[in-house]
Structure formats: structure tokens, C-alpha cells
Amino acid sequence: MLSRLMGQPGWTLLKSLDGHHHWVHAVAFSHDGRFLASASADTTVKVWNPSTGRCLTTLEGHDDAVLAVAFSPDGAVLASCSWDQTIRLWDPLSGQCLRTLEGHTGWVLDVAFSPGGALLASASADKTIQLWDPASGRALRTLKGHSDEVNAVKFSFDGTRMASGSSDRSIRLWDPITGAQIKQLDGHANWVNDIDFASDGRTLASAGHDHTIRIWDPTAPPSTAKRLTGHTGSVDSVAFNPSRKLVASAGGDRTVRLWDPNSGKCLETLEGHTMGVRKVAFSPDGKFLASASADKTIRIWSKPS
């Protein structure tokens, strides 16, 4: 079921991917758009062909729920993280586990590669962010500052900044090379569940347990952040499309919503998932949107032609 503003063509459901046996926590496209990875509470990662909907590989090795996945820029490595407190690096096609990264003392809640692939960041319930060399598996630096679980981590498109979102209600900006904290953004009234940088490298979106999305200009006072409202439950995921003209969000109200980040208007609501939607991700060309849900499915939506 879809609802949209009058006169605007809507996104359509292209296919639903079934195969996981528990909540699907996350989805991520490879940078060339040829593959889609999913992370599930069934302890597995699956790699799909998003065009056909066929599952290509199931990656097994984690001992608990898998919470996030991220492809390296060249697509040769897939990172996953879990409640088992580890990060695993995989060959996404063969399914071979290349290495296991250990060091966090709590659940690992998110992972992100830097744009060049030289760094891997991980966010944890132990209140820290770890920076790793994915080639060697060596831990490079631990970033401390948050006072509660770190739920999300993202690099800016030029790699000069890194953002983290936490259950302490704050977003923090870091220099990934030195590990120095650059700025703190406050405004959410509850946990910050997810964050995403726009491709301009400046604009940042955040998803809050307070039912809101915020659009930030980190160079401006935090009070100037745009507040997007419409969800009737926790907002668990947020993502910019490649052109920066659209923001997707998803949450506990079982919907995916599409927004104009400049006006703050909700343009469309995508309905159909039967439980909360945990993650949304745009394909690199912006033509497709994937959503992962606690209903054990992944949905792929197609952009209006």
C-alpha cells in the first residue's frame, strides 16, 4: 500500500526477498549496485542479486544476531557486526570469512568503511568507536566521548569527517585520522538510532527514538536543524539518495517514508511490512530502495519512471 502527495508518481514494490528466519536488521548495496547484503537476528548474512531477487550466498559464523553490514568501496570485502561483540570480514561471493576483529566489550551495532577503504569504523554498546585497518585486521584507534551505546557510525563522502550517533541523544563529529572530536550536535529528545551524510559532505540526517528525523548543517548552530515529523514510532533508519534531493526513513510504525530534505515535507509513505522496519538503503544510482524488517523480509522498491 502506498500513499503520496496528489499528482506525484509513487515508488512501487518491485520484489520481496524471503529467506531469513528472524528479524532482518540491516541491508546494504555494493557500490556498483550488483549485490545487496542483509544482516539478520538468525545469525546469518545473505548476499542477494537485487535484480533477480536470488540469494547468492549465506555467510555463517557469527554466534548471535547480526546487526549491520557494509561493503568495501571495491566490493571485495563485506563487513558484518554482531551481538557476539565481533566484526567479521568476508569474501561476499565465496562466503569465506577472511578475518574476525575482536576488541569491543559490548555488542557491535554498526560498521562503515571509509571512502577509500583504508579504514573500517565500528560502533558499540561499550560506548566507543573503534577504527581498524581492514587489510591487516589491526585496531588503530579507540574513540571515546559518548556516555551511552553508540548506535551508528558513518564517514563523510570525502573521508575527512566521521559522525556517530548514540543513545546519549547526541551526534558527534570526529577527525578519523587523529581521532579528535570536532563537534557535538544535540537536539534529539531520545536515542539517536541512525545517521547518514549527504553526498555534499556537509549535510547530515539523523533518525531518533523520539519519532523524528533531523537534517543538520554541522557548521551551523544545532538549534537550526530541520525537524521532520510524521512517524508514529521510533525512527530507526535514515538514508539520503545520491542526488541529496530525497531522504528515506523507516521505523517502528512499519512504514518507510520519503522526504524532501529542504522543505521537510513527507512526499510519500510506503506500507506493506507487517512489523517494524529496521533499515533503508538506496542503490548507488538512486533508482531502487531496499528496506529490511522485523517481519523477516527485505523489500525492494522502484523509483517512479
C-alpha atoms as a PDB file:
ATOM      1  CA  MET A   1       0.000   0.000   0.000  1.00  0.00           C
ATOM      2  CA  LEU A   2       1.304   3.450  -0.929  1.00  0.00           C
ATOM      3  CA  SER A   3       0.277   6.948  -0.022  1.00  0.00           C
ATOM      4  CA  ARG A   4       1.687  10.017  -1.735  1.00  0.00           C
ATOM      5  CA  LEU A   5       1.113  13.675  -2.370  1.00  0.00           C
ATOM      6  CA  MET A   6      -1.524  14.345  -5.010  1.00  0.00           C
ATOM      7  CA  GLY A   7      -0.208  14.446  -8.567  1.00  0.00           C
ATOM      8  CA  GLN A   8       3.183  12.845  -7.827  1.00  0.00           C
ATOM      9  CA  PRO A   9       4.129   9.419  -9.212  1.00  0.00           C
ATOM     10  CA  GLY A  10       4.928   6.940  -6.476  1.00  0.00           C
ATOM     11  CA  TRP A  11       7.565   4.362  -5.700  1.00  0.00           C
ATOM     12  CA  THR A  12       6.379   0.815  -6.377  1.00  0.00           C
ATOM     13  CA  LEU A  13       7.181  -2.510  -4.746  1.00  0.00           C
ATOM     14  CA  LEU A  14       9.435  -4.422  -7.124  1.00  0.00           C
ATOM     15  CA  LYS A  15      10.036  -7.589  -5.106  1.00  0.00           C
ATOM     16  CA  SER A  16      10.108  -9.076  -1.623  1.00  0.00           C
ATOM     17  CA  LEU A  17      13.101 -11.216  -0.617  1.00  0.00           C
ATOM     18  CA  ASP A  18      12.438 -14.117   1.726  1.00  0.00           C
ATOM     19  CA  GLY A  19      14.963 -16.467   3.275  1.00  0.00           C
ATOM     20  CA  HIS A  20      15.882 -15.165   6.716  1.00  0.00           C
ATOM     21  CA  HIS A  21      14.304 -16.888   9.713  1.00  0.00           C
ATOM     22  CA  HIS A  22      14.318 -13.946  12.116  1.00  0.00           C
ATOM     23  CA  TRP A  23      14.352 -10.139  12.084  1.00  0.00           C
ATOM     24  CA  VAL A  24      16.332  -8.557   9.267  1.00  0.00           C
ATOM     25  CA  HIS A  25      18.279  -5.769  10.949  1.00  0.00           C
ATOM     26  CA  ALA A  26      20.129  -4.214   8.022  1.00  0.00           C
ATOM     27  CA  VAL A  27      20.668  -4.043   4.273  1.00  0.00           C
ATOM     28  CA  ALA A  28      23.444  -2.517   2.171  1.00  0.00           C
ATOM     29  CA  PHE A  29      24.090  -2.283  -1.567  1.00  0.00           C
ATOM     30  CA  SER A  30      27.536  -2.818  -3.026  1.00  0.00           C
ATOM     31  CA  HIS A  31      28.982   0.342  -4.575  1.00  0.00           C
ATOM     32  CA  ASP A  32      28.357  -0.923  -8.119  1.00  0.00           C
ATOM     33  CA  GLY A  33      24.773  -1.914  -7.237  1.00  0.00           C
ATOM     34  CA  ARG A  34      25.238  -5.534  -8.314  1.00  0.00           C
ATOM     35  CA  PHE A  35      24.809  -7.014  -4.848  1.00  0.00           C
ATOM     36  CA  LEU A  36      22.662  -6.465  -1.775  1.00  0.00           C
ATOM     37  CA  ALA A  37      23.703  -7.773   1.643  1.00  0.00           C
ATOM     38  CA  SER A  38      21.349  -8.378   4.555  1.00  0.00           C
ATOM     39  CA  ALA A  39      22.033  -8.931   8.266  1.00  0.00           C
ATOM     40  CA  SER A  40      19.669 -10.913  10.453  1.00  0.00           C
ATOM     41  CA  ALA A  41      18.936 -11.987  14.000  1.00  0.00           C
ATOM     42  CA  ASP A  42      19.112 -15.554  12.648  1.00  0.00           C
ATOM     43  CA  THR A  43      22.935 -15.052  12.951  1.00  0.00           C
ATOM     44  CA  THR A  44      23.488 -15.060   9.180  1.00  0.00           C
ATOM     45  CA  VAL A  45      24.399 -12.591   6.455  1.00  0.00           C
ATOM     46  CA  LYS A  46      22.936 -13.149   2.999  1.00  0.00           C
ATOM     47  CA  VAL A  47      24.175 -11.760  -0.310  1.00  0.00           C
ATOM     48  CA  TRP A  48      21.497 -11.262  -2.967  1.00  0.00           C
ATOM     49  CA  ASN A  49      21.240 -10.336  -6.610  1.00  0.00           C
ATOM     50  CA  PRO A  50      18.865  -7.369  -6.259  1.00  0.00           C
ATOM     51  CA  SER A  51      17.797  -7.601  -9.914  1.00  0.00           C
ATOM     52  CA  THR A  52      16.588 -11.193  -9.739  1.00  0.00           C
ATOM     53  CA  GLY A  53      15.953 -11.478  -6.009  1.00  0.00           C
ATOM     54  CA  ARG A  54      18.068 -14.641  -5.854  1.00  0.00           C
ATOM     55  CA  CYS A  55      20.149 -15.378  -2.745  1.00  0.00           C
ATOM     56  CA  LEU A  56      23.726 -15.947  -3.923  1.00  0.00           C
ATOM     57  CA  THR A  57      25.476 -16.758  -0.655  1.00  0.00           C
ATOM     58  CA  THR A  58      24.671 -17.265   3.016  1.00  0.00           C
ATOM     59  CA  LEU A  59      27.513 -16.302   5.346  1.00  0.00           C
ATOM     60  CA  GLU A  60      27.597 -18.202   8.632  1.00  0.00           C
ATOM     61  CA  GLY A  61      29.954 -17.720  11.552  1.00  0.00           C
ATOM     62  CA  HIS A  62      28.522 -15.174  13.979  1.00  0.00           C
ATOM     63  CA  ASP A  63      27.290 -16.590  17.291  1.00  0.00           C
ATOM     64  CA  ASP A  64      24.450 -14.121  17.780  1.00  0.00           C
ATOM     65  CA  ALA A  65      22.244 -11.650  15.899  1.00  0.00           C
ATOM     66  CA  VAL A  66      23.959  -9.768  13.068  1.00  0.00           C
ATOM     67  CA  LEU A  67      23.129  -6.074  13.272  1.00  0.00           C
ATOM     68  CA  ALA A  68      24.823  -4.290  10.348  1.00  0.00           C
ATOM     69  CA  VAL A  69      26.659  -4.886   7.081  1.00  0.00           C
ATOM     70  CA  ALA A  70      28.849  -2.720   4.832  1.00  0.00           C
ATOM     71  CA  PHE A  71      30.654  -3.365   1.539  1.00  0.00           C
ATOM     72  CA  SER A  72      34.166  -2.065   0.961  1.00  0.00           C
ATOM     73  CA  PRO A  73      34.317   0.504  -1.864  1.00  0.00           C
ATOM     74  CA  ASP A  74      35.739  -2.058  -4.304  1.00  0.00           C
ATOM     75  CA  GLY A  75      33.145  -4.662  -3.286  1.00  0.00           C
ATOM     76  CA  ALA A  76      35.795  -7.266  -2.473  1.00  0.00           C
ATOM     77  CA  VAL A  77      35.079  -7.312   1.273  1.00  0.00           C
ATOM     78  CA  LEU A  78      31.836  -7.343   3.231  1.00  0.00           C
ATOM     79  CA  ALA A  79      31.945  -6.359   6.900  1.00  0.00           C
ATOM     80  CA  SER A  80      29.361  -7.518   9.422  1.00  0.00           C
ATOM     81  CA  CYS A  81      28.930  -6.924  13.130  1.00  0.00           C
ATOM     82  CA  SER A  82      27.013  -8.689  15.837  1.00  0.00           C
ATOM     83  CA  TRP A  83      25.723  -9.015  19.351  1.00  0.00           C
ATOM     84  CA  ASP A  84      28.584 -11.534  19.729  1.00  0.00           C
ATOM     85  CA  GLN A  85      30.877  -8.462  20.091  1.00  0.00           C
ATOM     86  CA  THR A  86      32.840  -9.204  16.912  1.00  0.00           C
ATOM     87  CA  ILE A  87      33.229  -7.835  13.399  1.00  0.00           C
ATOM     88  CA  ARG A  88      33.735 -10.306  10.579  1.00  0.00           C
ATOM     89  CA  LEU A  89      35.231  -9.569   7.172  1.00  0.00           C
ATOM     90  CA  TRP A  90      34.017 -11.809   4.363  1.00  0.00           C
ATOM     91  CA  ASP A  91      34.567 -12.555   0.716  1.00  0.00           C
ATOM     92  CA  PRO A  92      30.954 -11.815  -0.263  1.00  0.00           C
ATOM     93  CA  LEU A  93      30.886 -14.256  -3.195  1.00  0.00           C
ATOM     94  CA  SER A  94      32.716 -17.293  -1.841  1.00  0.00           C
ATOM     95  CA  GLY A  95      31.315 -16.821   1.665  1.00  0.00           C
ATOM     96  CA  GLN A  96      34.769 -17.275   3.189  1.00  0.00           C
ATOM     97  CA  CYS A  97      35.416 -15.425   6.453  1.00  0.00           C
ATOM     98  CA  LEU A  98      38.672 -13.548   5.860  1.00  0.00           C
ATOM     99  CA  ARG A  99      39.198 -12.442   9.449  1.00  0.00           C
ATOM    100  CA  THR A 100      37.435 -11.766  12.735  1.00  0.00           C
ATOM    101  CA  LEU A 101      38.062  -8.474  14.545  1.00  0.00           C
ATOM    102  CA  GLU A 102      37.824  -8.547  18.330  1.00  0.00           C
ATOM    103  CA  GLY A 103      38.273  -5.739  20.824  1.00  0.00           C
ATOM    104  CA  HIS A 104      34.877  -4.346  21.737  1.00  0.00           C
ATOM    105  CA  THR A 105      33.465  -5.280  25.147  1.00  0.00           C
ATOM    106  CA  GLY A 106      29.821  -4.865  24.139  1.00  0.00           C
ATOM    107  CA  TRP A 107      27.524  -5.531  21.197  1.00  0.00           C
ATOM    108  CA  VAL A 108      28.857  -4.132  17.923  1.00  0.00           C
ATOM    109  CA  LEU A 109      25.958  -2.142  16.479  1.00  0.00           C
ATOM    110  CA  ASP A 110      27.278  -0.638  13.223  1.00  0.00           C
ATOM    111  CA  VAL A 111      30.173  -0.760  10.763  1.00  0.00           C
ATOM    112  CA  ALA A 112      31.297   1.597   7.994  1.00  0.00           C
ATOM    113  CA  PHE A 113      34.189   1.710   5.529  1.00  0.00           C
ATOM    114  CA  SER A 114      35.950   4.967   4.724  1.00  0.00           C
ATOM    115  CA  PRO A 115      35.524   6.120   1.099  1.00  0.00           C
ATOM    116  CA  GLY A 116      38.963   4.840   0.111  1.00  0.00           C
ATOM    117  CA  GLY A 117      38.545   1.599   2.046  1.00  0.00           C
ATOM    118  CA  ALA A 118      41.660   2.140   4.172  1.00  0.00           C
ATOM    119  CA  LEU A 119      39.674   2.413   7.408  1.00  0.00           C
ATOM    120  CA  LEU A 120      36.820   0.468   8.952  1.00  0.00           C
ATOM    121  CA  ALA A 121      34.853   2.037  11.807  1.00  0.00           C
ATOM    122  CA  SER A 122      32.751   0.097  14.296  1.00  0.00           C
ATOM    123  CA  ALA A 123      30.222   1.435  16.818  1.00  0.00           C
ATOM    124  CA  SER A 124      29.490  -0.426  20.014  1.00  0.00           C
ATOM    125  CA  ALA A 125      27.323  -0.695  23.100  1.00  0.00           C
ATOM    126  CA  ASP A 126      30.591  -0.318  25.048  1.00  0.00           C
ATOM    127  CA  LYS A 127      30.232   3.446  24.280  1.00  0.00           C
ATOM    128  CA  THR A 128      33.222   3.533  21.923  1.00  0.00           C
ATOM    129  CA  ILE A 129      34.043   3.686  18.223  1.00  0.00           C
ATOM    130  CA  GLN A 130      36.952   1.587  17.018  1.00  0.00           C
ATOM    131  CA  LEU A 131      38.962   2.325  13.898  1.00  0.00           C
ATOM    132  CA  TRP A 132      40.555  -0.659  12.176  1.00  0.00           C
ATOM    133  CA  ASP A 133      42.898  -1.404   9.295  1.00  0.00           C
ATOM    134  CA  PRO A 134      40.713  -3.859   7.354  1.00  0.00           C
ATOM    135  CA  ALA A 135      43.693  -5.161   5.359  1.00  0.00           C
ATOM    136  CA  SER A 136      45.520  -6.416   8.448  1.00  0.00           C
ATOM    137  CA  GLY A 137      42.698  -6.526  10.997  1.00  0.00           C
ATOM    138  CA  ARG A 138      44.740  -4.322  13.306  1.00  0.00           C
ATOM    139  CA  ALA A 139      42.952  -1.985  15.735  1.00  0.00           C
ATOM    140  CA  LEU A 140      44.243   1.538  15.100  1.00  0.00           C
ATOM    141  CA  ARG A 141      42.389   3.801  17.497  1.00  0.00           C
ATOM    142  CA  THR A 142      39.562   3.894  20.046  1.00  0.00           C
ATOM    143  CA  LEU A 143      37.348   6.991  20.119  1.00  0.00           C
ATOM    144  CA  LYS A 144      35.736   7.793  23.446  1.00  0.00           C
ATOM    145  CA  GLY A 145      33.290  10.541  24.370  1.00  0.00           C
ATOM    146  CA  HIS A 146      29.776   9.126  24.220  1.00  0.00           C
ATOM    147  CA  SER A 147      28.166   8.313  27.567  1.00  0.00           C
ATOM    148  CA  ASP A 148      25.905   5.535  26.252  1.00  0.00           C
ATOM    149  CA  GLU A 149      25.707   2.971  23.449  1.00  0.00           C
ATOM    150  CA  VAL A 150      26.981   4.135  20.046  1.00  0.00           C
ATOM    151  CA  ASN A 151      24.321   3.018  17.578  1.00  0.00           C
ATOM    152  CA  ALA A 152      25.610   4.345  14.262  1.00  0.00           C
ATOM    153  CA  VAL A 153      28.769   5.486  12.520  1.00  0.00           C
ATOM    154  CA  LYS A 154      29.284   6.999   9.047  1.00  0.00           C
ATOM    155  CA  PHE A 155      32.106   8.622   7.070  1.00  0.00           C
ATOM    156  CA  SER A 156      31.585  11.753   5.003  1.00  0.00           C
ATOM    157  CA  PHE A 157      31.952  11.235   1.252  1.00  0.00           C
ATOM    158  CA  ASP A 158      35.397  12.847   1.191  1.00  0.00           C
ATOM    159  CA  GLY A 159      36.544  10.842   4.229  1.00  0.00           C
ATOM    160  CA  THR A 160      37.645  13.886   6.225  1.00  0.00           C
ATOM    161  CA  ARG A 161      34.877  13.576   8.821  1.00  0.00           C
ATOM    162  CA  MET A 162      33.168  10.788  10.654  1.00  0.00           C
ATOM    163  CA  ALA A 163      29.858  11.021  12.529  1.00  0.00           C
ATOM    164  CA  SER A 164      28.476   8.863  15.320  1.00  0.00           C
ATOM    165  CA  GLY A 165      25.014   8.677  16.864  1.00  0.00           C
ATOM    166  CA  SER A 166      24.340   7.445  20.374  1.00  0.00           C
ATOM    167  CA  SER A 167      21.745   6.530  22.950  1.00  0.00           C
ATOM    168  CA  ASP A 168      23.124   9.510  24.903  1.00  0.00           C
ATOM    169  CA  ARG A 169      20.980  11.542  22.423  1.00  0.00           C
ATOM    170  CA  SER A 170      23.961  13.197  20.779  1.00  0.00           C
ATOM    171  CA  ILE A 171      25.710  13.118  17.417  1.00  0.00           C
ATOM    172  CA  ARG A 172      29.448  13.639  17.457  1.00  0.00           C
ATOM    173  CA  LEU A 173      31.743  14.596  14.606  1.00  0.00           C
ATOM    174  CA  TRP A 174      35.287  13.246  14.563  1.00  0.00           C
ATOM    175  CA  ASP A 175      38.523  13.583  12.630  1.00  0.00           C
ATOM    176  CA  PRO A 176      39.119   9.929  11.654  1.00  0.00           C
ATOM    177  CA  ILE A 177      42.857  10.460  11.191  1.00  0.00           C
ATOM    178  CA  THR A 178      43.625  11.997  14.591  1.00  0.00           C
ATOM    179  CA  GLY A 179      40.607  10.660  16.497  1.00  0.00           C
ATOM    180  CA  ALA A 180      39.830  14.149  17.787  1.00  0.00           C
ATOM    181  CA  GLN A 181      36.232  15.119  18.436  1.00  0.00           C
ATOM    182  CA  ILE A 182      35.333  18.142  16.324  1.00  0.00           C
ATOM    183  CA  LYS A 183      31.781  18.923  17.354  1.00  0.00           C
ATOM    184  CA  GLN A 184      28.746  17.682  19.266  1.00  0.00           C
ATOM    185  CA  LEU A 185      25.193  18.075  17.951  1.00  0.00           C
ATOM    186  CA  ASP A 186      22.349  17.951  20.480  1.00  0.00           C
ATOM    187  CA  GLY A 187      18.636  18.179  19.776  1.00  0.00           C
ATOM    188  CA  HIS A 188      17.048  14.749  19.833  1.00  0.00           C
ATOM    189  CA  ALA A 189      14.926  14.025  22.902  1.00  0.00           C
ATOM    190  CA  ASN A 190      15.837  10.322  22.894  1.00  0.00           C
ATOM    191  CA  TRP A 191      18.320   7.869  21.403  1.00  0.00           C
ATOM    192  CA  VAL A 192      19.922   8.619  18.040  1.00  0.00           C
ATOM    193  CA  ASN A 193      19.411   5.361  16.146  1.00  0.00           C
ATOM    194  CA  ASP A 194      20.961   6.121  12.762  1.00  0.00           C
ATOM    195  CA  ILE A 195      22.791   8.813  10.786  1.00  0.00           C
ATOM    196  CA  ASP A 196      23.746   9.458   7.171  1.00  0.00           C
ATOM    197  CA  PHE A 197      25.841  12.020   5.329  1.00  0.00           C
ATOM    198  CA  ALA A 198      24.558  13.545   2.097  1.00  0.00           C
ATOM    199  CA  SER A 199      26.883  13.364  -0.902  1.00  0.00           C
ATOM    200  CA  ASP A 200      27.742  17.067  -0.481  1.00  0.00           C
ATOM    201  CA  GLY A 201      29.799  16.012   2.566  1.00  0.00           C
ATOM    202  CA  ARG A 202      28.172  18.677   4.716  1.00  0.00           C
ATOM    203  CA  THR A 203      24.531  17.819   5.328  1.00  0.00           C
ATOM    204  CA  LEU A 204      23.768  15.142   7.899  1.00  0.00           C
ATOM    205  CA  ALA A 205      20.494  13.351   8.660  1.00  0.00           C
ATOM    206  CA  SER A 206      19.681  11.567  11.906  1.00  0.00           C
ATOM    207  CA  ALA A 207      16.935   9.168  12.997  1.00  0.00           C
ATOM    208  CA  GLY A 208      15.643   9.385  16.542  1.00  0.00           C
ATOM    209  CA  HIS A 209      13.812   7.212  19.030  1.00  0.00           C
ATOM    210  CA  ASP A 210      11.846  10.432  19.655  1.00  0.00           C
ATOM    211  CA  HIS A 211       9.891   9.739  16.405  1.00  0.00           C
ATOM    212  CA  THR A 212      11.735  12.493  14.477  1.00  0.00           C
ATOM    213  CA  ILE A 213      14.339  12.948  11.749  1.00  0.00           C
ATOM    214  CA  ARG A 214      16.738  15.877  11.915  1.00  0.00           C
ATOM    215  CA  ILE A 215      18.583  17.484   8.994  1.00  0.00           C
ATOM    216  CA  TRP A 216      21.766  19.171  10.207  1.00  0.00           C
ATOM    217  CA  ASP A 217      24.293  21.572   8.799  1.00  0.00           C
ATOM    218  CA  PRO A 218      27.192  20.773  11.155  1.00  0.00           C
ATOM    219  CA  THR A 219      28.711  24.223  10.528  1.00  0.00           C
ATOM    220  CA  ALA A 220      25.556  25.956  11.828  1.00  0.00           C
ATOM    221  CA  PRO A 221      24.194  26.129  15.379  1.00  0.00           C
ATOM    222  CA  PRO A 222      22.401  22.841  16.327  1.00  0.00           C
ATOM    223  CA  SER A 223      19.226  24.837  17.009  1.00  0.00           C
ATOM    224  CA  THR A 224      18.896  25.461  13.254  1.00  0.00           C
ATOM    225  CA  ALA A 225      18.497  21.752  12.411  1.00  0.00           C
ATOM    226  CA  LYS A 226      15.342  20.963  10.457  1.00  0.00           C
ATOM    227  CA  ARG A 227      12.923  18.668  12.326  1.00  0.00           C
ATOM    228  CA  LEU A 228      10.882  16.206  10.244  1.00  0.00           C
ATOM    229  CA  THR A 229       7.817  14.701  11.897  1.00  0.00           C
ATOM    230  CA  GLY A 230       5.278  12.124  10.763  1.00  0.00           C
ATOM    231  CA  HIS A 231       6.411   8.764  12.068  1.00  0.00           C
ATOM    232  CA  THR A 232       4.270   7.438  14.917  1.00  0.00           C
ATOM    233  CA  GLY A 233       7.037   5.346  16.445  1.00  0.00           C
ATOM    234  CA  SER A 234      10.778   5.222  16.811  1.00  0.00           C
ATOM    235  CA  VAL A 235      12.683   6.187  13.645  1.00  0.00           C
ATOM    236  CA  ASP A 236      15.321   3.500  13.271  1.00  0.00           C
ATOM    237  CA  SER A 237      16.961   4.326   9.940  1.00  0.00           C
ATOM    238  CA  VAL A 238      17.633   7.255   7.641  1.00  0.00           C
ATOM    239  CA  ALA A 239      19.328   7.494   4.237  1.00  0.00           C
ATOM    240  CA  PHE A 240      19.981  10.182   1.623  1.00  0.00           C
ATOM    241  CA  ASN A 241      19.601   9.300  -2.039  1.00  0.00           C
ATOM    242  CA  PRO A 242      22.683  10.009  -4.219  1.00  0.00           C
ATOM    243  CA  SER A 243      21.306  13.331  -5.517  1.00  0.00           C
ATOM    244  CA  ARG A 244      20.658  14.621  -1.958  1.00  0.00           C
ATOM    245  CA  LYS A 245      17.114  15.569  -3.032  1.00  0.00           C
ATOM    246  CA  LEU A 246      15.415  12.774  -1.100  1.00  0.00           C
ATOM    247  CA  VAL A 247      15.674  11.273   2.369  1.00  0.00           C
ATOM    248  CA  ALA A 248      14.238   7.875   3.241  1.00  0.00           C
ATOM    249  CA  SER A 249      13.350   6.915   6.794  1.00  0.00           C
ATOM    250  CA  ALA A 250      11.940   3.834   8.465  1.00  0.00           C
ATOM    251  CA  GLY A 251      10.818   2.800  11.890  1.00  0.00           C
ATOM    252  CA  GLY A 252       8.680   1.006  14.383  1.00  0.00           C
ATOM    253  CA  ASP A 253       5.435   2.201  12.790  1.00  0.00           C
ATOM    254  CA  ARG A 254       6.097  -0.320   9.971  1.00  0.00           C
ATOM    255  CA  THR A 255       6.441   2.365   7.312  1.00  0.00           C
ATOM    256  CA  VAL A 256       9.096   3.728   5.001  1.00  0.00           C
ATOM    257  CA  ARG A 257       8.754   7.460   4.386  1.00  0.00           C
ATOM    258  CA  LEU A 258      10.283   9.648   1.689  1.00  0.00           C
ATOM    259  CA  TRP A 259      11.009  13.297   2.439  1.00  0.00           C
ATOM    260  CA  ASP A 260      12.143  16.474   0.749  1.00  0.00           C
ATOM    261  CA  PRO A 261      15.093  17.418   3.000  1.00  0.00           C
ATOM    262  CA  ASN A 262      14.870  21.081   2.013  1.00  0.00           C
ATOM    263  CA  SER A 263      11.188  21.681   2.733  1.00  0.00           C
ATOM    264  CA  GLY A 264      10.842  18.955   5.361  1.00  0.00           C
ATOM    265  CA  LYS A 265       7.679  17.654   3.639  1.00  0.00           C
ATOM    266  CA  CYS A 266       6.824  13.955   3.656  1.00  0.00           C
ATOM    267  CA  LEU A 267       6.359  13.129  -0.039  1.00  0.00           C
ATOM    268  CA  GLU A 268       5.321   9.514   0.223  1.00  0.00           C
ATOM    269  CA  THR A 269       4.686   6.698   2.689  1.00  0.00           C
ATOM    270  CA  LEU A 270       5.427   3.101   1.671  1.00  0.00           C
ATOM    271  CA  GLU A 271       3.432   0.499   3.545  1.00  0.00           C
ATOM    272  CA  GLY A 272       3.423  -3.272   3.425  1.00  0.00           C
ATOM    273  CA  HIS A 273       5.866  -4.515   6.028  1.00  0.00           C
ATOM    274  CA  THR A 274       3.986  -6.261   8.833  1.00  0.00           C
ATOM    275  CA  MET A 275       6.486  -5.412  11.579  1.00  0.00           C
ATOM    276  CA  GLY A 276       8.903  -2.570  12.278  1.00  0.00           C
ATOM    277  CA  VAL A 277      11.290  -1.519   9.514  1.00  0.00           C
ATOM    278  CA  ARG A 278      14.863  -1.638  10.758  1.00  0.00           C
ATOM    279  CA  LYS A 279      16.895  -0.223   7.854  1.00  0.00           C
ATOM    280  CA  VAL A 280      16.638   1.521   4.485  1.00  0.00           C
ATOM    281  CA  ALA A 281      19.306   1.845   1.783  1.00  0.00           C
ATOM    282  CA  PHE A 282      19.304   3.430  -1.673  1.00  0.00           C
ATOM    283  CA  SER A 283      21.035   1.769  -4.606  1.00  0.00           C
ATOM    284  CA  PRO A 284      24.056   3.735  -5.880  1.00  0.00           C
ATOM    285  CA  ASP A 285      22.093   5.015  -8.894  1.00  0.00           C
ATOM    286  CA  GLY A 286      19.158   6.039  -6.701  1.00  0.00           C
ATOM    287  CA  LYS A 287      16.665   4.005  -8.728  1.00  0.00           C
ATOM    288  CA  PHE A 288      15.944   1.447  -6.013  1.00  0.00           C
ATOM    289  CA  LEU A 289      15.340   1.488  -2.277  1.00  0.00           C
ATOM    290  CA  ALA A 290      15.747  -1.563  -0.049  1.00  0.00           C
ATOM    291  CA  SER A 291      14.028  -1.925   3.314  1.00  0.00           C
ATOM    292  CA  ALA A 292      14.764  -4.529   5.995  1.00  0.00           C
ATOM    293  CA  SER A 293      12.154  -5.507   8.542  1.00  0.00           C
ATOM    294  CA  ALA A 294      11.477  -7.460  11.694  1.00  0.00           C
ATOM    295  CA  ASP A 295       8.905  -9.335   9.564  1.00  0.00           C
ATOM    296  CA  LYS A 296      11.911 -11.351   8.233  1.00  0.00           C
ATOM    297  CA  THR A 297      11.717  -9.852   4.734  1.00  0.00           C
ATOM    298  CA  ILE A 298      13.584  -7.364   2.572  1.00  0.00           C
ATOM    299  CA  ARG A 299      11.544  -5.271   0.163  1.00  0.00           C
ATOM    300  CA  ILE A 300      12.970  -3.601  -2.924  1.00  0.00           C
ATOM    301  CA  TRP A 301      11.096  -0.533  -4.140  1.00  0.00           C
ATOM    302  CA  SER A 302      11.432   1.019  -7.587  1.00  0.00           C
ATOM    303  CA  LYS A 303      11.719   4.732  -8.311  1.00  0.00           C
ATOM    304  CA  PRO A 304       8.978   6.376 -10.382  1.00  0.00           C
ATOM    305  CA  SER A 305       9.955   6.488 -14.067  1.00  0.00           C
END
